[in-house]
Amino acid sequence: MAYCVHITLPGGVTAIVRMSGKRPEPCRCGKTATKLCDYPMGGRKTCDRPMCSDCIGRTDGDKDYCRSHAGLVPGQGSLL
């Protein structure tokens, strides 16, 4: 099943991109989620809470954490 996403490119140009697969869940705030929480939940599973760029609680390199898990992550990442 396909769906379309509106994205903003550098310089303010917008584009409509056709995506395949299942539409991702929205962020809790209602905006389009662009990241999933990478907090480990045991085994090989992660939290995977959908987050928009405004609701990311912490980033640490290529890992993003929701606000619920941001304070539980040791390391030098930046709190947002």
N, C-alpha and C. Protein backbone atom coordinates (compact mmCIF):
# COMPACT_ATOMS: atom_id res chain seq x y z
N MET A 1 0.84 -1.17 0.00
CA MET A 1 0.00 0.00 0.00
C MET A 1 0.89 1.24 0.00
N ALA A 2 0.61 2.20 -0.83
CA ALA A 2 1.42 3.40 -0.95
C ALA A 2 0.71 4.61 -0.34
N TYR A 3 1.51 5.60 0.03
CA TYR A 3 0.99 6.86 0.55
C TYR A 3 1.98 7.96 0.18
N CYS A 4 1.56 9.21 0.31
CA CYS A 4 2.41 10.34 -0.03
C CYS A 4 2.76 11.15 1.21
N VAL A 5 3.96 11.73 1.20
CA VAL A 5 4.45 12.54 2.30
C VAL A 5 4.92 13.87 1.72
N HIS A 6 4.56 14.96 2.37
CA HIS A 6 5.06 16.28 2.00
C HIS A 6 6.32 16.55 2.82
N ILE A 7 7.41 16.91 2.16
CA ILE A 7 8.64 17.21 2.87
C ILE A 7 9.14 18.59 2.45
N THR A 8 9.90 19.23 3.33
CA THR A 8 10.52 20.52 3.02
C THR A 8 12.00 20.30 2.83
N LEU A 9 12.51 20.73 1.69
CA LEU A 9 13.92 20.58 1.34
C LEU A 9 14.67 21.85 1.72
N PRO A 10 15.99 21.79 1.77
CA PRO A 10 16.77 23.00 2.05
C PRO A 10 16.39 24.13 1.07
N GLY A 11 16.30 25.31 1.59
CA GLY A 11 15.91 26.44 0.76
C GLY A 11 14.41 26.68 0.76
N GLY A 12 13.67 25.87 1.51
CA GLY A 12 12.23 26.06 1.64
C GLY A 12 11.40 25.43 0.54
N VAL A 13 12.03 24.70 -0.37
CA VAL A 13 11.30 24.04 -1.44
C VAL A 13 10.57 22.83 -0.86
N THR A 14 9.32 22.63 -1.26
CA THR A 14 8.58 21.46 -0.78
C THR A 14 8.44 20.43 -1.89
N ALA A 15 8.31 19.19 -1.47
CA ALA A 15 8.16 18.10 -2.43
C ALA A 15 7.15 17.10 -1.89
N ILE A 16 6.52 16.38 -2.79
CA ILE A 16 5.62 15.29 -2.42
C ILE A 16 6.33 14.00 -2.83
N VAL A 17 6.53 13.12 -1.84
CA VAL A 17 7.26 11.88 -2.07
C VAL A 17 6.31 10.71 -1.89
N ARG A 18 6.27 9.82 -2.88
CA ARG A 18 5.44 8.62 -2.79
C ARG A 18 6.22 7.55 -2.03
N MET A 19 5.62 7.05 -0.97
CA MET A 19 6.26 6.05 -0.11
C MET A 19 5.54 4.72 -0.28
N SER A 20 6.27 3.63 -0.08
CA SER A 20 5.64 2.32 -0.13
C SER A 20 5.54 1.76 1.28
N GLY A 21 4.71 0.78 1.46
CA GLY A 21 4.56 0.16 2.77
C GLY A 21 3.45 0.80 3.58
N LYS A 22 3.45 0.50 4.86
CA LYS A 22 2.43 1.00 5.77
C LYS A 22 2.77 2.42 6.22
N ARG A 23 1.76 3.28 6.29
CA ARG A 23 1.96 4.65 6.75
C ARG A 23 2.42 4.62 8.20
N PRO A 24 3.49 5.37 8.54
CA PRO A 24 3.98 5.37 9.92
C PRO A 24 2.99 6.04 10.87
N GLU A 25 3.06 5.64 12.13
CA GLU A 25 2.20 6.26 13.13
C GLU A 25 2.63 7.71 13.33
N PRO A 26 1.68 8.60 13.63
CA PRO A 26 2.06 9.99 13.89
C PRO A 26 2.70 10.12 15.27
N CYS A 27 3.39 11.22 15.48
CA CYS A 27 3.94 11.56 16.78
C CYS A 27 2.78 11.83 17.74
N ARG A 28 3.03 11.77 19.04
CA ARG A 28 1.98 12.05 20.02
C ARG A 28 1.37 13.44 19.87
N CYS A 29 2.16 14.39 19.36
CA CYS A 29 1.66 15.76 19.19
C CYS A 29 0.79 15.90 17.95
N GLY A 30 0.75 14.87 17.11
CA GLY A 30 -0.07 14.89 15.91
C GLY A 30 0.70 15.16 14.63
N LYS A 31 1.95 15.63 14.75
CA LYS A 31 2.77 15.88 13.57
C LYS A 31 3.27 14.57 12.98
N THR A 32 3.80 14.64 11.78
CA THR A 32 4.37 13.46 11.13
C THR A 32 5.63 13.03 11.85
N ALA A 33 5.70 11.78 12.23
CA ALA A 33 6.89 11.24 12.89
C ALA A 33 7.97 10.99 11.85
N THR A 34 9.18 11.44 12.17
CA THR A 34 10.31 11.23 11.27
C THR A 34 11.38 10.34 11.90
N LYS A 35 11.24 10.04 13.18
CA LYS A 35 12.21 9.21 13.90
C LYS A 35 11.47 8.23 14.80
N LEU A 36 12.17 7.17 15.19
CA LEU A 36 11.67 6.23 16.19
C LEU A 36 12.66 6.19 17.34
N CYS A 37 12.16 6.03 18.56
CA CYS A 37 13.02 5.98 19.73
C CYS A 37 13.90 4.73 19.66
N ASP A 38 15.19 4.91 19.92
CA ASP A 38 16.16 3.82 19.85
C ASP A 38 16.52 3.24 21.22
N TYR A 39 15.76 3.55 22.26
CA TYR A 39 16.07 3.04 23.59
C TYR A 39 15.89 1.52 23.63
N PRO A 40 16.90 0.79 24.12
CA PRO A 40 16.81 -0.68 24.16
C PRO A 40 15.77 -1.15 25.18
N MET A 41 14.94 -2.09 24.75
CA MET A 41 13.87 -2.62 25.62
C MET A 41 14.11 -4.08 26.00
N GLY A 42 15.27 -4.59 25.68
CA GLY A 42 15.58 -5.99 26.00
C GLY A 42 15.67 -6.81 24.72
N GLY A 43 16.57 -7.74 24.74
CA GLY A 43 16.77 -8.51 23.52
C GLY A 43 17.28 -7.60 22.42
N ARG A 44 16.69 -7.70 21.27
CA ARG A 44 17.07 -6.83 20.15
C ARG A 44 16.01 -5.80 19.85
N LYS A 45 15.06 -5.63 20.76
CA LYS A 45 13.95 -4.69 20.54
C LYS A 45 14.30 -3.30 21.08
N THR A 46 13.71 -2.30 20.43
CA THR A 46 13.85 -0.93 20.91
C THR A 46 12.45 -0.35 21.14
N CYS A 47 12.39 0.78 21.81
CA CYS A 47 11.10 1.42 22.15
C CYS A 47 10.26 1.69 20.89
N ASP A 48 10.89 2.27 19.87
CA ASP A 48 10.23 2.57 18.59
C ASP A 48 9.05 3.53 18.70
N ARG A 49 9.00 4.37 19.74
CA ARG A 49 7.95 5.38 19.81
C ARG A 49 8.16 6.37 18.67
N PRO A 50 7.13 6.64 17.87
CA PRO A 50 7.27 7.60 16.78
C PRO A 50 7.41 9.03 17.33
N MET A 51 8.36 9.80 16.75
CA MET A 51 8.62 11.16 17.21
C MET A 51 8.81 12.10 16.02
N CYS A 52 8.30 13.31 16.15
CA CYS A 52 8.62 14.35 15.16
C CYS A 52 9.90 15.05 15.63
N SER A 53 10.44 15.92 14.82
CA SER A 53 11.70 16.59 15.17
C SER A 53 11.56 17.48 16.40
N ASP A 54 10.35 17.96 16.70
CA ASP A 54 10.14 18.81 17.87
C ASP A 54 10.04 18.01 19.17
N CYS A 55 9.70 16.74 19.09
CA CYS A 55 9.44 15.93 20.29
C CYS A 55 10.57 14.97 20.65
N ILE A 56 11.67 15.00 19.91
CA ILE A 56 12.81 14.15 20.25
C ILE A 56 13.38 14.65 21.58
N GLY A 57 13.57 13.74 22.52
CA GLY A 57 14.07 14.12 23.84
C GLY A 57 15.57 14.23 23.91
N ARG A 58 16.27 13.41 23.12
CA ARG A 58 17.73 13.40 23.16
C ARG A 58 18.27 12.73 21.90
N THR A 59 19.38 13.24 21.43
CA THR A 59 20.09 12.59 20.33
C THR A 59 21.49 12.26 20.81
N ASP A 60 22.02 11.14 20.35
CA ASP A 60 23.36 10.71 20.74
C ASP A 60 23.96 10.02 19.52
N GLY A 61 24.65 10.78 18.69
CA GLY A 61 25.18 10.24 17.45
C GLY A 61 24.04 9.93 16.50
N ASP A 62 23.91 8.66 16.12
CA ASP A 62 22.82 8.28 15.22
C ASP A 62 21.62 7.71 15.97
N LYS A 63 21.60 7.84 17.29
CA LYS A 63 20.49 7.34 18.12
C LYS A 63 19.61 8.51 18.54
N ASP A 64 18.30 8.28 18.53
CA ASP A 64 17.32 9.28 18.97
C ASP A 64 16.48 8.65 20.07
N TYR A 65 16.15 9.44 21.09
CA TYR A 65 15.40 8.92 22.23
C TYR A 65 14.18 9.80 22.51
N CYS A 66 13.08 9.16 22.86
CA CYS A 66 11.86 9.90 23.22
C CYS A 66 12.08 10.59 24.57
N ARG A 67 11.21 11.50 24.91
CA ARG A 67 11.35 12.24 26.16
C ARG A 67 11.26 11.33 27.37
N SER A 68 10.52 10.24 27.29
CA SER A 68 10.41 9.30 28.40
C SER A 68 11.74 8.60 28.69
N HIS A 69 12.51 8.34 27.65
CA HIS A 69 13.75 7.60 27.82
C HIS A 69 15.00 8.47 27.77
N ALA A 70 14.89 9.74 27.45
CA ALA A 70 16.05 10.62 27.28
C ALA A 70 16.92 10.67 28.52
N GLY A 71 16.33 10.72 29.70
CA GLY A 71 17.09 10.80 30.93
C GLY A 71 17.69 9.49 31.39
N LEU A 72 17.31 8.39 30.76
CA LEU A 72 17.81 7.07 31.16
C LEU A 72 19.03 6.64 30.38
N VAL A 73 19.44 7.44 29.41
CA VAL A 73 20.53 7.05 28.52
C VAL A 73 21.85 7.65 29.03
N PRO A 74 22.82 6.82 29.39
CA PRO A 74 24.11 7.35 29.77
C PRO A 74 24.87 7.84 28.54
N GLY A 75 25.74 8.79 28.70
CA GLY A 75 26.55 9.22 27.58
C GLY A 75 26.58 10.72 27.42
N GLN A 76 27.10 11.16 26.31
CA GLN A 76 27.34 12.58 26.07
C GLN A 76 26.38 13.20 25.08
N GLY A 77 25.27 12.56 24.78
CA GLY A 77 24.32 13.09 23.81
C GLY A 77 23.73 14.42 24.27
N SER A 78 23.10 15.12 23.38
CA SER A 78 22.52 16.41 23.72
C SER A 78 21.05 16.27 24.06
N LEU A 79 20.66 16.83 25.20
CA LEU A 79 19.25 16.88 25.58
C LEU A 79 18.60 18.00 24.79
N LEU A 80 17.42 17.73 24.25
CA LEU A 80 16.73 18.72 23.44
C LEU A 80 15.52 19.24 24.15
